[in-house]
Amino acid sequence: MTSWNDSDLNGIGAAEELALESERGDGTLRAPVTMWVVRAGDRLYVRSVRGVDGPWYRGARSRDRGRVAAGGVRADVAFRDADPDEYGDVDAAYREKYGRYTSIVEHVLTDRARASTLRLEPR
């Protein structure tokens, strides 16, 4: 696993939104999806409100590769399942970063959303 450098980790982690493009089977990128991204420790995470049945999630999992852009950073990434023991830190990061959106943030804290937690790893 490759690690994020501090500059990219800080840029993406502080960004309000992230553009995620998942890779198709032929290697081309799908249209970008705008989503929330959080930093927990030295890792970056995204979740699908619709869980593992969400369209962008299914696309991302088809090849487990894509590209993200946020906070002035554009990077090719691998999508990796987060371990369930990471969920608590990811939940806390979502609450801290997006807590001002009370009626919305709760949707990324459900069991369905937790099951779709992906760790973004640079490649």
PDB file of N, CA and C in Angstrom:
ATOM      1  N   MET A   1       0.839  -1.176   0.000  1.00  0.00           N
ATOM      2  CA  MET A   1       0.000   0.000   0.000  1.00  0.00           C
ATOM      3  C   MET A   1       0.884   1.239   0.000  1.00  0.00           C
ATOM      4  N   THR A   2       0.585   2.183  -0.870  1.00  0.00           N
ATOM      5  CA  THR A   2       1.268   3.461  -0.912  1.00  0.00           C
ATOM      6  C   THR A   2       0.552   4.411   0.038  1.00  0.00           C
ATOM      7  N   SER A   3       1.297   5.279   0.685  1.00  0.00           N
ATOM      8  CA  SER A   3       0.711   6.234   1.623  1.00  0.00           C
ATOM      9  C   SER A   3       0.562   7.602   0.966  1.00  0.00           C
ATOM     10  N   TRP A   4      -0.382   8.372   1.451  1.00  0.00           N
ATOM     11  CA  TRP A   4      -0.552   9.749   1.006  1.00  0.00           C
ATOM     12  C   TRP A   4       0.595  10.593   1.540  1.00  0.00           C
ATOM     13  N   ASN A   5       1.046  11.569   0.758  1.00  0.00           N
ATOM     14  CA  ASN A   5       1.994  12.530   1.321  1.00  0.00           C
ATOM     15  C   ASN A   5       1.178  13.558   2.116  1.00  0.00           C
ATOM     16  N   ASP A   6       1.821  14.271   3.012  1.00  0.00           N
ATOM     17  CA  ASP A   6       1.115  15.191   3.906  1.00  0.00           C
ATOM     18  C   ASP A   6       0.323  16.250   3.155  1.00  0.00           C
ATOM     19  N   SER A   7       0.889  16.790   2.091  1.00  0.00           N
ATOM     20  CA  SER A   7       0.221  17.841   1.333  1.00  0.00           C
ATOM     21  C   SER A   7      -1.086  17.342   0.718  1.00  0.00           C
ATOM     22  N   ASP A   8      -1.036  16.168   0.073  1.00  0.00           N
ATOM     23  CA  ASP A   8      -2.244  15.615  -0.549  1.00  0.00           C
ATOM     24  C   ASP A   8      -3.268  15.203   0.501  1.00  0.00           C
ATOM     25  N   LEU A   9      -2.811  14.602   1.575  1.00  0.00           N
ATOM     26  CA  LEU A   9      -3.697  14.183   2.659  1.00  0.00           C
ATOM     27  C   LEU A   9      -4.419  15.385   3.261  1.00  0.00           C
ATOM     28  N   ASN A  10      -3.674  16.457   3.504  1.00  0.00           N
ATOM     29  CA  ASN A  10      -4.276  17.672   4.058  1.00  0.00           C
ATOM     30  C   ASN A  10      -5.227  18.329   3.071  1.00  0.00           C
ATOM     31  N   GLY A  11      -4.837  18.400   1.794  1.00  0.00           N
ATOM     32  CA  GLY A  11      -5.687  19.038   0.791  1.00  0.00           C
ATOM     33  C   GLY A  11      -7.003  18.320   0.605  1.00  0.00           C
ATOM     34  N   ILE A  12      -6.942  17.016   0.403  1.00  0.00           N
ATOM     35  CA  ILE A  12      -8.171  16.244   0.202  1.00  0.00           C
ATOM     36  C   ILE A  12      -8.980  16.197   1.490  1.00  0.00           C
ATOM     37  N   GLY A  13      -8.310  15.974   2.610  1.00  0.00           N
ATOM     38  CA  GLY A  13      -9.018  15.874   3.885  1.00  0.00           C
ATOM     39  C   GLY A  13      -9.762  17.135   4.275  1.00  0.00           C
ATOM     40  N   ALA A  14      -9.256  18.296   3.880  1.00  0.00           N
ATOM     41  CA  ALA A  14      -9.899  19.572   4.226  1.00  0.00           C
ATOM     42  C   ALA A  14     -10.960  19.995   3.223  1.00  0.00           C
ATOM     43  N   ALA A  15     -10.970  19.392   2.047  1.00  0.00           N
ATOM     44  CA  ALA A  15     -11.927  19.778   1.012  1.00  0.00           C
ATOM     45  C   ALA A  15     -13.357  19.461   1.441  1.00  0.00           C
ATOM     46  N   GLU A  16     -14.265  20.347   1.098  1.00  0.00           N
ATOM     47  CA  GLU A  16     -15.678  20.126   1.418  1.00  0.00           C
ATOM     48  C   GLU A  16     -16.248  18.956   0.620  1.00  0.00           C
ATOM     49  N   GLU A  17     -15.846  18.857  -0.642  1.00  0.00           N
ATOM     50  CA  GLU A  17     -16.352  17.796  -1.508  1.00  0.00           C
ATOM     51  C   GLU A  17     -15.220  17.208  -2.340  1.00  0.00           C
ATOM     52  N   LEU A  18     -15.464  16.010  -2.815  1.00  0.00           N
ATOM     53  CA  LEU A  18     -14.504  15.277  -3.625  1.00  0.00           C
ATOM     54  C   LEU A  18     -15.196  14.848  -4.911  1.00  0.00           C
ATOM     55  N   ALA A  19     -14.488  14.922  -6.032  1.00  0.00           N
ATOM     56  CA  ALA A  19     -14.981  14.374  -7.295  1.00  0.00           C
ATOM     57  C   ALA A  19     -14.336  13.007  -7.463  1.00  0.00           C
ATOM     58  N   LEU A  20     -15.158  11.984  -7.634  1.00  0.00           N
ATOM     59  CA  LEU A  20     -14.676  10.615  -7.759  1.00  0.00           C
ATOM     60  C   LEU A  20     -15.064  10.073  -9.126  1.00  0.00           C
ATOM     61  N   GLU A  21     -14.063   9.588  -9.858  1.00  0.00           N
ATOM     62  CA  GLU A  21     -14.285   8.952 -11.155  1.00  0.00           C
ATOM     63  C   GLU A  21     -13.821   7.509 -11.024  1.00  0.00           C
ATOM     64  N   SER A  22     -14.724   6.564 -11.196  1.00  0.00           N
ATOM     65  CA  SER A  22     -14.318   5.163 -11.124  1.00  0.00           C
ATOM     66  C   SER A  22     -13.965   4.672 -12.520  1.00  0.00           C
ATOM     67  N   GLU A  23     -13.129   3.651 -12.559  1.00  0.00           N
ATOM     68  CA  GLU A  23     -12.631   3.111 -13.816  1.00  0.00           C
ATOM     69  C   GLU A  23     -13.534   2.009 -14.337  1.00  0.00           C
ATOM     70  N   ARG A  24     -13.836   2.087 -15.624  1.00  0.00           N
ATOM     71  CA  ARG A  24     -14.606   1.031 -16.288  1.00  0.00           C
ATOM     72  C   ARG A  24     -13.686  -0.137 -16.633  1.00  0.00           C
ATOM     73  N   GLY A  25     -14.280  -1.218 -17.066  1.00  0.00           N
ATOM     74  CA  GLY A  25     -13.513  -2.396 -17.460  1.00  0.00           C
ATOM     75  C   GLY A  25     -12.500  -2.140 -18.565  1.00  0.00           C
ATOM     76  N   ASP A  26     -12.785  -1.165 -19.444  1.00  0.00           N
ATOM     77  CA  ASP A  26     -11.860  -0.867 -20.540  1.00  0.00           C
ATOM     78  C   ASP A  26     -10.801   0.166 -20.150  1.00  0.00           C
ATOM     79  N   GLY A  27     -10.806   0.575 -18.869  1.00  0.00           N
ATOM     80  CA  GLY A  27      -9.799   1.514 -18.384  1.00  0.00           C
ATOM     81  C   GLY A  27     -10.177   2.979 -18.475  1.00  0.00           C
ATOM     82  N   THR A  28     -11.297   3.289 -19.161  1.00  0.00           N
ATOM     83  CA  THR A  28     -11.738   4.683 -19.206  1.00  0.00           C
ATOM     84  C   THR A  28     -12.438   5.028 -17.901  1.00  0.00           C
ATOM     85  N   LEU A  29     -12.556   6.317 -17.637  1.00  0.00           N
ATOM     86  CA  LEU A  29     -13.158   6.771 -16.382  1.00  0.00           C
ATOM     87  C   LEU A  29     -14.619   7.144 -16.579  1.00  0.00           C
ATOM     88  N   ARG A  30     -15.445   6.802 -15.594  1.00  0.00           N
ATOM     89  CA  ARG A  30     -16.846   7.209 -15.594  1.00  0.00           C
ATOM     90  C   ARG A  30     -16.940   8.697 -15.276  1.00  0.00           C
ATOM     91  N   ALA A  31     -18.096   9.271 -15.508  1.00  0.00           N
ATOM     92  CA  ALA A  31     -18.334  10.675 -15.161  1.00  0.00           C
ATOM     93  C   ALA A  31     -18.127  10.860 -13.657  1.00  0.00           C
ATOM     94  N   PRO A  32     -17.593  12.002 -13.257  1.00  0.00           N
ATOM     95  CA  PRO A  32     -17.328  12.211 -11.827  1.00  0.00           C
ATOM     96  C   PRO A  32     -18.607  12.310 -10.993  1.00  0.00           C
ATOM     97  N   VAL A  33     -18.510  11.793  -9.786  1.00  0.00           N
ATOM     98  CA  VAL A  33     -19.576  11.873  -8.796  1.00  0.00           C
ATOM     99  C   VAL A  33     -19.050  12.776  -7.684  1.00  0.00           C
ATOM    100  N   THR A  34     -19.851  13.752  -7.277  1.00  0.00           N
ATOM    101  CA  THR A  34     -19.460  14.641  -6.188  1.00  0.00           C
ATOM    102  C   THR A  34     -19.929  14.043  -4.878  1.00  0.00           C
ATOM    103  N   MET A  35     -19.019  13.978  -3.914  1.00  0.00           N
ATOM    104  CA  MET A  35     -19.363  13.347  -2.642  1.00  0.00           C
ATOM    105  C   MET A  35     -18.548  13.930  -1.499  1.00  0.00           C
ATOM    106  N   TRP A  36     -18.934  13.553  -0.306  1.00  0.00           N
ATOM    107  CA  TRP A  36     -18.191  13.931   0.892  1.00  0.00           C
ATOM    108  C   TRP A  36     -17.008  12.984   1.079  1.00  0.00           C
ATOM    109  N   VAL A  37     -15.935  13.532   1.619  1.00  0.00           N
ATOM    110  CA  VAL A  37     -14.737  12.750   1.923  1.00  0.00           C
ATOM    111  C   VAL A  37     -14.272  13.129   3.316  1.00  0.00           C
ATOM    112  N   VAL A  38     -13.781  12.153   4.062  1.00  0.00           N
ATOM    113  CA  VAL A  38     -13.270  12.444   5.404  1.00  0.00           C
ATOM    114  C   VAL A  38     -11.882  11.836   5.586  1.00  0.00           C
ATOM    115  N   ARG A  39     -11.173  12.462   6.505  1.00  0.00           N
ATOM    116  CA  ARG A  39      -9.859  11.978   6.903  1.00  0.00           C
ATOM    117  C   ARG A  39      -9.965  11.449   8.323  1.00  0.00           C
ATOM    118  N   ALA A  40      -9.451  10.249   8.533  1.00  0.00           N
ATOM    119  CA  ALA A  40      -9.349   9.676   9.875  1.00  0.00           C
ATOM    120  C   ALA A  40      -7.913   9.194  10.009  1.00  0.00           C
ATOM    121  N   GLY A  41      -7.149   9.852  10.840  1.00  0.00           N
ATOM    122  CA  GLY A  41      -5.727   9.548  10.942  1.00  0.00           C
ATOM    123  C   GLY A  41      -5.039   9.923   9.650  1.00  0.00           C
ATOM    124  N   ASP A  42      -4.283   9.004   9.089  1.00  0.00           N
ATOM    125  CA  ASP A  42      -3.580   9.246   7.826  1.00  0.00           C
ATOM    126  C   ASP A  42      -4.249   8.544   6.654  1.00  0.00           C
ATOM    127  N   ARG A  43      -5.567   8.385   6.763  1.00  0.00           N
ATOM    128  CA  ARG A  43      -6.327   7.721   5.709  1.00  0.00           C
ATOM    129  C   ARG A  43      -7.518   8.576   5.293  1.00  0.00           C
ATOM    130  N   LEU A  44      -7.968   8.347   4.062  1.00  0.00           N
ATOM    131  CA  LEU A  44      -9.126   9.052   3.505  1.00  0.00           C
ATOM    132  C   LEU A  44     -10.217   8.046   3.184  1.00  0.00           C
ATOM    133  N   TYR A  45     -11.473   8.466   3.409  1.00  0.00           N
ATOM    134  CA  TYR A  45     -12.604   7.553   3.255  1.00  0.00           C
ATOM    135  C   TYR A  45     -13.783   8.226   2.558  1.00  0.00           C
ATOM    136  N   VAL A  46     -14.562   7.414   1.863  1.00  0.00           N
ATOM    137  CA  VAL A  46     -15.851   7.823   1.309  1.00  0.00           C
ATOM    138  C   VAL A  46     -16.858   6.727   1.635  1.00  0.00           C
ATOM    139  N   ARG A  47     -18.132   7.115   1.590  1.00  0.00           N
ATOM    140  CA  ARG A  47     -19.237   6.169   1.836  1.00  0.00           C
ATOM    141  C   ARG A  47     -20.378   6.461   0.886  1.00  0.00           C
ATOM    142  N   SER A  48     -21.159   5.438   0.627  1.00  0.00           N
ATOM    143  CA  SER A  48     -22.371   5.579  -0.162  1.00  0.00           C
ATOM    144  C   SER A  48     -23.578   5.626   0.768  1.00  0.00           C
ATOM    145  N   VAL A  49     -24.360   6.674   0.667  1.00  0.00           N
ATOM    146  CA  VAL A  49     -25.587   6.776   1.464  1.00  0.00           C
ATOM    147  C   VAL A  49     -26.503   5.598   1.162  1.00  0.00           C
ATOM    148  N   ARG A  50     -26.470   5.126  -0.072  1.00  0.00           N
ATOM    149  CA  ARG A  50     -27.313   3.992  -0.474  1.00  0.00           C
ATOM    150  C   ARG A  50     -26.658   2.643  -0.205  1.00  0.00           C
ATOM    151  N   GLY A  51     -25.531   2.656   0.464  1.00  0.00           N
ATOM    152  CA  GLY A  51     -24.853   1.415   0.801  1.00  0.00           C
ATOM    153  C   GLY A  51     -24.235   0.753  -0.412  1.00  0.00           C
ATOM    154  N   VAL A  52     -24.051  -0.544  -0.320  1.00  0.00           N
ATOM    155  CA  VAL A  52     -23.374  -1.281  -1.390  1.00  0.00           C
ATOM    156  C   VAL A  52     -24.215  -1.370  -2.663  1.00  0.00           C
ATOM    157  N   ASP A  53     -25.484  -0.984  -2.614  1.00  0.00           N
ATOM    158  CA  ASP A  53     -26.335  -0.976  -3.795  1.00  0.00           C
ATOM    159  C   ASP A  53     -26.302   0.351  -4.536  1.00  0.00           C
ATOM    160  N   GLY A  54     -25.592   1.349  -3.985  1.00  0.00           N
ATOM    161  CA  GLY A  54     -25.504   2.657  -4.631  1.00  0.00           C
ATOM    162  C   GLY A  54     -24.800   2.555  -5.978  1.00  0.00           C
ATOM    163  N   PRO A  55     -25.293   3.270  -6.992  1.00  0.00           N
ATOM    164  CA  PRO A  55     -24.712   3.165  -8.338  1.00  0.00           C
ATOM    165  C   PRO A  55     -23.220   3.512  -8.392  1.00  0.00           C
ATOM    166  N   TRP A  56     -22.792   4.589  -7.752  1.00  0.00           N
ATOM    167  CA  TRP A  56     -21.370   4.944  -7.839  1.00  0.00           C
ATOM    168  C   TRP A  56     -20.522   3.891  -7.131  1.00  0.00           C
ATOM    169  N   TYR A  57     -21.054   3.332  -6.036  1.00  0.00           N
ATOM    170  CA  TYR A  57     -20.314   2.317  -5.293  1.00  0.00           C
ATOM    171  C   TYR A  57     -20.104   1.074  -6.158  1.00  0.00           C
ATOM    172  N   ARG A  58     -21.163   0.624  -6.812  1.00  0.00           N
ATOM    173  CA  ARG A  58     -21.041  -0.556  -7.678  1.00  0.00           C
ATOM    174  C   ARG A  58     -20.030  -0.315  -8.792  1.00  0.00           C
ATOM    175  N   GLY A  59     -20.060   0.908  -9.360  1.00  0.00           N
ATOM    176  CA  GLY A  59     -19.086   1.251 -10.397  1.00  0.00           C
ATOM    177  C   GLY A  59     -17.666   1.237  -9.861  1.00  0.00           C
ATOM    178  N   ALA A  60     -17.474   1.798  -8.679  1.00  0.00           N
ATOM    179  CA  ALA A  60     -16.141   1.835  -8.070  1.00  0.00           C
ATOM    180  C   ALA A  60     -15.629   0.430  -7.791  1.00  0.00           C
ATOM    181  N   ARG A  61     -16.507  -0.451  -7.365  1.00  0.00           N
ATOM    182  CA  ARG A  61     -16.093  -1.815  -7.009  1.00  0.00           C
ATOM    183  C   ARG A  61     -15.892  -2.707  -8.227  1.00  0.00           C
ATOM    184  N   SER A  62     -16.324  -2.278  -9.398  1.00  0.00           N
ATOM    185  CA  SER A  62     -16.165  -3.120 -10.580  1.00  0.00           C
ATOM    186  C   SER A  62     -14.687  -3.328 -10.926  1.00  0.00           C
ATOM    187  N   ARG A  63     -13.834  -2.341 -10.647  1.00  0.00           N
ATOM    188  CA  ARG A  63     -12.392  -2.466 -10.910  1.00  0.00           C
ATOM    189  C   ARG A  63     -11.544  -2.058  -9.708  1.00  0.00           C
ATOM    190  N   ASP A  64     -12.166  -1.441  -8.711  1.00  0.00           N
ATOM    191  CA  ASP A  64     -11.464  -0.984  -7.509  1.00  0.00           C
ATOM    192  C   ASP A  64     -10.375   0.036  -7.814  1.00  0.00           C
ATOM    193  N   ARG A  65     -10.554   0.776  -8.898  1.00  0.00           N
ATOM    194  CA  ARG A  65      -9.593   1.807  -9.287  1.00  0.00           C
ATOM    195  C   ARG A  65     -10.333   3.023  -9.802  1.00  0.00           C
ATOM    196  N   GLY A  66      -9.702   4.177  -9.672  1.00  0.00           N
ATOM    197  CA  GLY A  66     -10.296   5.384 -10.203  1.00  0.00           C
ATOM    198  C   GLY A  66      -9.404   6.583  -9.962  1.00  0.00           C
ATOM    199  N   ARG A  67     -10.030   7.748 -10.009  1.00  0.00           N
ATOM    200  CA  ARG A  67      -9.315   9.005  -9.805  1.00  0.00           C
ATOM    201  C   ARG A  67     -10.181   9.893  -8.926  1.00  0.00           C
ATOM    202  N   VAL A  68      -9.531  10.654  -8.063  1.00  0.00           N
ATOM    203  CA  VAL A  68     -10.232  11.613  -7.216  1.00  0.00           C
ATOM    204  C   VAL A  68      -9.609  12.989  -7.401  1.00  0.00           C
ATOM    205  N   ALA A  69     -10.419  13.994  -7.152  1.00  0.00           N
ATOM    206  CA  ALA A  69      -9.939  15.375  -7.196  1.00  0.00           C
ATOM    207  C   ALA A  69     -10.625  16.147  -6.079  1.00  0.00           C
ATOM    208  N   ALA A  70      -9.817  16.843  -5.284  1.00  0.00           N
ATOM    209  CA  ALA A  70     -10.347  17.655  -4.184  1.00  0.00           C
ATOM    210  C   ALA A  70      -9.204  18.469  -3.595  1.00  0.00           C
ATOM    211  N   GLY A  71      -9.510  19.657  -3.129  1.00  0.00           N
ATOM    212  CA  GLY A  71      -8.519  20.460  -2.429  1.00  0.00           C
ATOM    213  C   GLY A  71      -7.268  20.737  -3.238  1.00  0.00           C
ATOM    214  N   GLY A  72      -7.411  20.865  -4.555  1.00  0.00           N
ATOM    215  CA  GLY A  72      -6.274  21.118  -5.413  1.00  0.00           C
ATOM    216  C   GLY A  72      -5.436  19.888  -5.723  1.00  0.00           C
ATOM    217  N   VAL A  73      -5.914  18.718  -5.323  1.00  0.00           N
ATOM    218  CA  VAL A  73      -5.193  17.466  -5.547  1.00  0.00           C
ATOM    219  C   VAL A  73      -5.987  16.607  -6.524  1.00  0.00           C
ATOM    220  N   ARG A  74      -5.291  16.041  -7.473  1.00  0.00           N
ATOM    221  CA  ARG A  74      -5.892  15.070  -8.401  1.00  0.00           C
ATOM    222  C   ARG A  74      -5.009  13.833  -8.315  1.00  0.00           C
ATOM    223  N   ALA A  75      -5.605  12.676  -8.014  1.00  0.00           N
ATOM    224  CA  ALA A  75      -4.801  11.478  -7.791  1.00  0.00           C
ATOM    225  C   ALA A  75      -5.510  10.226  -8.276  1.00  0.00           C
ATOM    226  N   ASP A  76      -4.735   9.303  -8.834  1.00  0.00           N
ATOM    227  CA  ASP A  76      -5.236   7.965  -9.145  1.00  0.00           C
ATOM    228  C   ASP A  76      -5.259   7.181  -7.841  1.00  0.00           C
ATOM    229  N   VAL A  77      -6.338   6.442  -7.628  1.00  0.00           N
ATOM    230  CA  VAL A  77      -6.515   5.737  -6.358  1.00  0.00           C
ATOM    231  C   VAL A  77      -6.982   4.306  -6.567  1.00  0.00           C
ATOM    232  N   ALA A  78      -6.793   3.529  -5.521  1.00  0.00           N
ATOM    233  CA  ALA A  78      -7.397   2.206  -5.392  1.00  0.00           C
ATOM    234  C   ALA A  78      -8.479   2.331  -4.330  1.00  0.00           C
ATOM    235  N   PHE A  79      -9.597   1.651  -4.529  1.00  0.00           N
ATOM    236  CA  PHE A  79     -10.683   1.626  -3.556  1.00  0.00           C
ATOM    237  C   PHE A  79     -10.563   0.341  -2.754  1.00  0.00           C
ATOM    238  N   ARG A  80     -10.417   0.459  -1.463  1.00  0.00           N
ATOM    239  CA  ARG A  80     -10.259  -0.695  -0.582  1.00  0.00           C
ATOM    240  C   ARG A  80     -11.347  -0.680   0.477  1.00  0.00           C
ATOM    241  N   ASP A  81     -11.896  -1.858   0.781  1.00  0.00           N
ATOM    242  CA  ASP A  81     -12.876  -1.963   1.863  1.00  0.00           C
ATOM    243  C   ASP A  81     -12.226  -1.547   3.173  1.00  0.00           C
ATOM    244  N   ALA A  82     -12.902  -0.700   3.910  1.00  0.00           N
ATOM    245  CA  ALA A  82     -12.447  -0.374   5.258  1.00  0.00           C
ATOM    246  C   ALA A  82     -12.811  -1.543   6.167  1.00  0.00           C
ATOM    247  N   ASP A  83     -12.001  -1.793   7.152  1.00  0.00           N
ATOM    248  CA  ASP A  83     -12.313  -2.815   8.146  1.00  0.00           C
ATOM    249  C   ASP A  83     -13.385  -2.270   9.084  1.00  0.00           C
ATOM    250  N   PRO A  84     -14.288  -3.117   9.540  1.00  0.00           N
ATOM    251  CA  PRO A  84     -15.314  -2.646  10.470  1.00  0.00           C
ATOM    252  C   PRO A  84     -14.749  -1.938  11.703  1.00  0.00           C
ATOM    253  N   ASP A  85     -13.532  -2.283  12.124  1.00  0.00           N
ATOM    254  CA  ASP A  85     -12.965  -1.589  13.283  1.00  0.00           C
ATOM    255  C   ASP A  85     -12.546  -0.156  12.946  1.00  0.00           C
ATOM    256  N   GLU A  86     -12.582   0.230  11.675  1.00  0.00           N
ATOM    257  CA  GLU A  86     -12.306   1.609  11.267  1.00  0.00           C
ATOM    258  C   GLU A  86     -13.573   2.473  11.276  1.00  0.00           C
ATOM    259  N   TYR A  87     -14.736   1.848  11.295  1.00  0.00           N
ATOM    260  CA  TYR A  87     -15.993   2.577  11.160  1.00  0.00           C
ATOM    261  C   TYR A  87     -16.178   3.652  12.221  1.00  0.00           C
ATOM    262  N   GLY A  88     -15.825   3.376  13.447  1.00  0.00           N
ATOM    263  CA  GLY A  88     -16.014   4.352  14.522  1.00  0.00           C
ATOM    264  C   GLY A  88     -15.245   5.640  14.276  1.00  0.00           C
ATOM    265  N   ASP A  89     -13.997   5.519  13.835  1.00  0.00           N
ATOM    266  CA  ASP A  89     -13.197   6.712  13.528  1.00  0.00           C
ATOM    267  C   ASP A  89     -13.758   7.450  12.324  1.00  0.00           C
ATOM    268  N   VAL A  90     -14.243   6.710  11.344  1.00  0.00           N
ATOM    269  CA  VAL A  90     -14.835   7.331  10.158  1.00  0.00           C
ATOM    270  C   VAL A  90     -16.132   8.041  10.540  1.00  0.00           C
ATOM    271  N   ASP A  91     -16.962   7.402  11.369  1.00  0.00           N
ATOM    272  CA  ASP A  91     -18.182   8.053  11.863  1.00  0.00           C
ATOM    273  C   ASP A  91     -17.850   9.379  12.536  1.00  0.00           C
ATOM    274  N   ALA A  92     -16.858   9.342  13.426  1.00  0.00           N
ATOM    275  CA  ALA A  92     -16.465  10.556  14.159  1.00  0.00           C
ATOM    276  C   ALA A  92     -15.981  11.633  13.200  1.00  0.00           C
ATOM    277  N   ALA A  93     -15.249  11.244  12.172  1.00  0.00           N
ATOM    278  CA  ALA A  93     -14.752  12.217  11.194  1.00  0.00           C
ATOM    279  C   ALA A  93     -15.908  12.854  10.428  1.00  0.00           C
ATOM    280  N   TYR A  94     -16.911  12.050  10.052  1.00  0.00           N
ATOM    281  CA  TYR A  94     -18.089  12.606   9.373  1.00  0.00           C
ATOM    282  C   TYR A  94     -18.839  13.568  10.293  1.00  0.00           C
ATOM    283  N   ARG A  95     -19.021  13.195  11.536  1.00  0.00           N
ATOM    284  CA  ARG A  95     -19.728  14.076  12.480  1.00  0.00           C
ATOM    285  C   ARG A  95     -18.987  15.392  12.674  1.00  0.00           C
ATOM    286  N   GLU A  96     -17.662  15.304  12.803  1.00  0.00           N
ATOM    287  CA  GLU A  96     -16.872  16.514  13.038  1.00  0.00           C
ATOM    288  C   GLU A  96     -16.871  17.425  11.814  1.00  0.00           C
ATOM    289  N   LYS A  97     -16.660  16.857  10.662  1.00  0.00           N
ATOM    290  CA  LYS A  97     -16.523  17.665   9.450  1.00  0.00           C
ATOM    291  C   LYS A  97     -17.855  18.183   8.916  1.00  0.00           C
ATOM    292  N   TYR A  98     -18.888  17.346   8.952  1.00  0.00           N
ATOM    293  CA  TYR A  98     -20.161  17.693   8.324  1.00  0.00           C
ATOM    294  C   TYR A  98     -21.315  17.824   9.313  1.00  0.00           C
ATOM    295  N   GLY A  99     -21.013  17.869  10.598  1.00  0.00           N
ATOM    296  CA  GLY A  99     -22.042  17.918  11.628  1.00  0.00           C
ATOM    297  C   GLY A  99     -23.009  19.087  11.510  1.00  0.00           C
ATOM    298  N   ARG A 100     -22.573  20.150  10.844  1.00  0.00           N
ATOM    299  CA  ARG A 100     -23.476  21.314  10.676  1.00  0.00           C
ATOM    300  C   ARG A 100     -24.654  20.984   9.760  1.00  0.00           C
ATOM    301  N   TYR A 101     -24.541  19.888   9.010  1.00  0.00           N
ATOM    302  CA  TYR A 101     -25.633  19.417   8.158  1.00  0.00           C
ATOM    303  C   TYR A 101     -26.358  18.285   8.884  1.00  0.00           C
ATOM    304  N   THR A 102     -26.935  18.604  10.007  1.00  0.00           N
ATOM    305  CA  THR A 102     -27.499  17.618  10.919  1.00  0.00           C
ATOM    306  C   THR A 102     -28.432  16.628  10.238  1.00  0.00           C
ATOM    307  N   SER A 103     -29.356  17.115   9.439  1.00  0.00           N
ATOM    308  CA  SER A 103     -30.340  16.212   8.838  1.00  0.00           C
ATOM    309  C   SER A 103     -29.741  15.367   7.714  1.00  0.00           C
ATOM    310  N   ILE A 104     -28.579  15.738   7.203  1.00  0.00           N
ATOM    311  CA  ILE A 104     -27.960  14.997   6.115  1.00  0.00           C
ATOM    312  C   ILE A 104     -26.899  14.031   6.629  1.00  0.00           C
ATOM    313  N   VAL A 105     -26.067  14.482   7.561  1.00  0.00           N
ATOM    314  CA  VAL A 105     -24.935  13.669   8.003  1.00  0.00           C
ATOM    315  C   VAL A 105     -25.385  12.324   8.585  1.00  0.00           C
ATOM    316  N   GLU A 106     -26.539  12.278   9.184  1.00  0.00           N
ATOM    317  CA  GLU A 106     -27.022  11.022   9.757  1.00  0.00           C
ATOM    318  C   GLU A 106     -27.153   9.914   8.712  1.00  0.00           C
ATOM    319  N   HIS A 107     -27.351  10.295   7.458  1.00  0.00           N
ATOM    320  CA  HIS A 107     -27.502   9.290   6.397  1.00  0.00           C
ATOM    321  C   HIS A 107     -26.203   8.548   6.096  1.00  0.00           C
ATOM    322  N   VAL A 108     -25.053   9.141   6.405  1.00  0.00           N
ATOM    323  CA  VAL A 108     -23.787   8.437   6.180  1.00  0.00           C
ATOM    324  C   VAL A 108     -23.325   7.691   7.425  1.00  0.00           C
ATOM    325  N   LEU A 109     -24.171   7.695   8.462  1.00  0.00           N
ATOM    326  CA  LEU A 109     -23.841   7.025   9.716  1.00  0.00           C
ATOM    327  C   LEU A 109     -24.696   5.784   9.965  1.00  0.00           C
ATOM    328  N   THR A 110     -25.499   5.402   8.979  1.00  0.00           N
ATOM    329  CA  THR A 110     -26.346   4.219   9.124  1.00  0.00           C
ATOM    330  C   THR A 110     -25.521   2.949   8.892  1.00  0.00           C
ATOM    331  N   ASP A 111     -26.054   1.818   9.318  1.00  0.00           N
ATOM    332  CA  ASP A 111     -25.369   0.545   9.069  1.00  0.00           C
ATOM    333  C   ASP A 111     -25.220   0.290   7.574  1.00  0.00           C
ATOM    334  N   ARG A 112     -26.223   0.670   6.802  1.00  0.00           N
ATOM    335  CA  ARG A 112     -26.172   0.485   5.340  1.00  0.00           C
ATOM    336  C   ARG A 112     -25.011   1.281   4.734  1.00  0.00           C
ATOM    337  N   ALA A 113     -24.863   2.535   5.146  1.00  0.00           N
ATOM    338  CA  ALA A 113     -23.762   3.357   4.635  1.00  0.00           C
ATOM    339  C   ALA A 113     -22.407   2.844   5.134  1.00  0.00           C
ATOM    340  N   ARG A 114     -22.342   2.460   6.405  1.00  0.00           N
ATOM    341  CA  ARG A 114     -21.076   1.942   6.964  1.00  0.00           C
ATOM    342  C   ARG A 114     -20.548   0.762   6.156  1.00  0.00           C
ATOM    343  N   ALA A 115     -21.448  -0.100   5.715  1.00  0.00           N
ATOM    344  CA  ALA A 115     -21.037  -1.289   4.965  1.00  0.00           C
ATOM    345  C   ALA A 115     -20.353  -0.930   3.643  1.00  0.00           C
ATOM    346  N   SER A 116     -20.526   0.287   3.171  1.00  0.00           N
ATOM    347  CA  SER A 116     -19.923   0.717   1.901  1.00  0.00           C
ATOM    348  C   SER A 116     -18.686   1.579   2.101  1.00  0.00           C
ATOM    349  N   THR A 117     -18.153   1.636   3.300  1.00  0.00           N
ATOM    350  CA  THR A 117     -17.000   2.486   3.583  1.00  0.00           C
ATOM    351  C   THR A 117     -15.792   2.017   2.791  1.00  0.00           C
ATOM    352  N   LEU A 118     -15.277   2.928   1.961  1.00  0.00           N
ATOM    353  CA  LEU A 118     -14.092   2.648   1.153  1.00  0.00           C
ATOM    354  C   LEU A 118     -12.937   3.540   1.589  1.00  0.00           C
ATOM    355  N   ARG A 119     -11.801   2.941   1.703  1.00  0.00           N
ATOM    356  CA  ARG A 119     -10.569   3.670   1.969  1.00  0.00           C
ATOM    357  C   ARG A 119      -9.948   4.012   0.619  1.00  0.00           C
ATOM    358  N   LEU A 120      -9.561   5.264   0.437  1.00  0.00           N
ATOM    359  CA  LEU A 120      -8.904   5.715  -0.790  1.00  0.00           C
ATOM    360  C   LEU A 120      -7.405   5.588  -0.605  1.00  0.00           C
ATOM    361  N   GLU A 121      -6.778   4.800  -1.455  1.00  0.00           N
ATOM    362  CA  GLU A 121      -5.323   4.609  -1.353  1.00  0.00           C
ATOM    363  C   GLU A 121      -4.677   5.087  -2.646  1.00  0.00           C
ATOM    364  N   PRO A 122      -3.657   5.947  -2.554  1.00  0.00           N
ATOM    365  CA  PRO A 122      -2.999   6.425  -3.770  1.00  0.00           C
ATOM    366  C   PRO A 122      -2.293   5.273  -4.494  1.00  0.00           C
ATOM    367  N   ARG A 123      -2.228   5.376  -5.813  1.00  0.00           N
ATOM    368  CA  ARG A 123      -1.496   4.355  -6.576  1.00  0.00           C
ATOM    369  C   ARG A 123      -0.650   5.032  -7.641  1.00  0.00           C
TER     370      ARG A 123
END
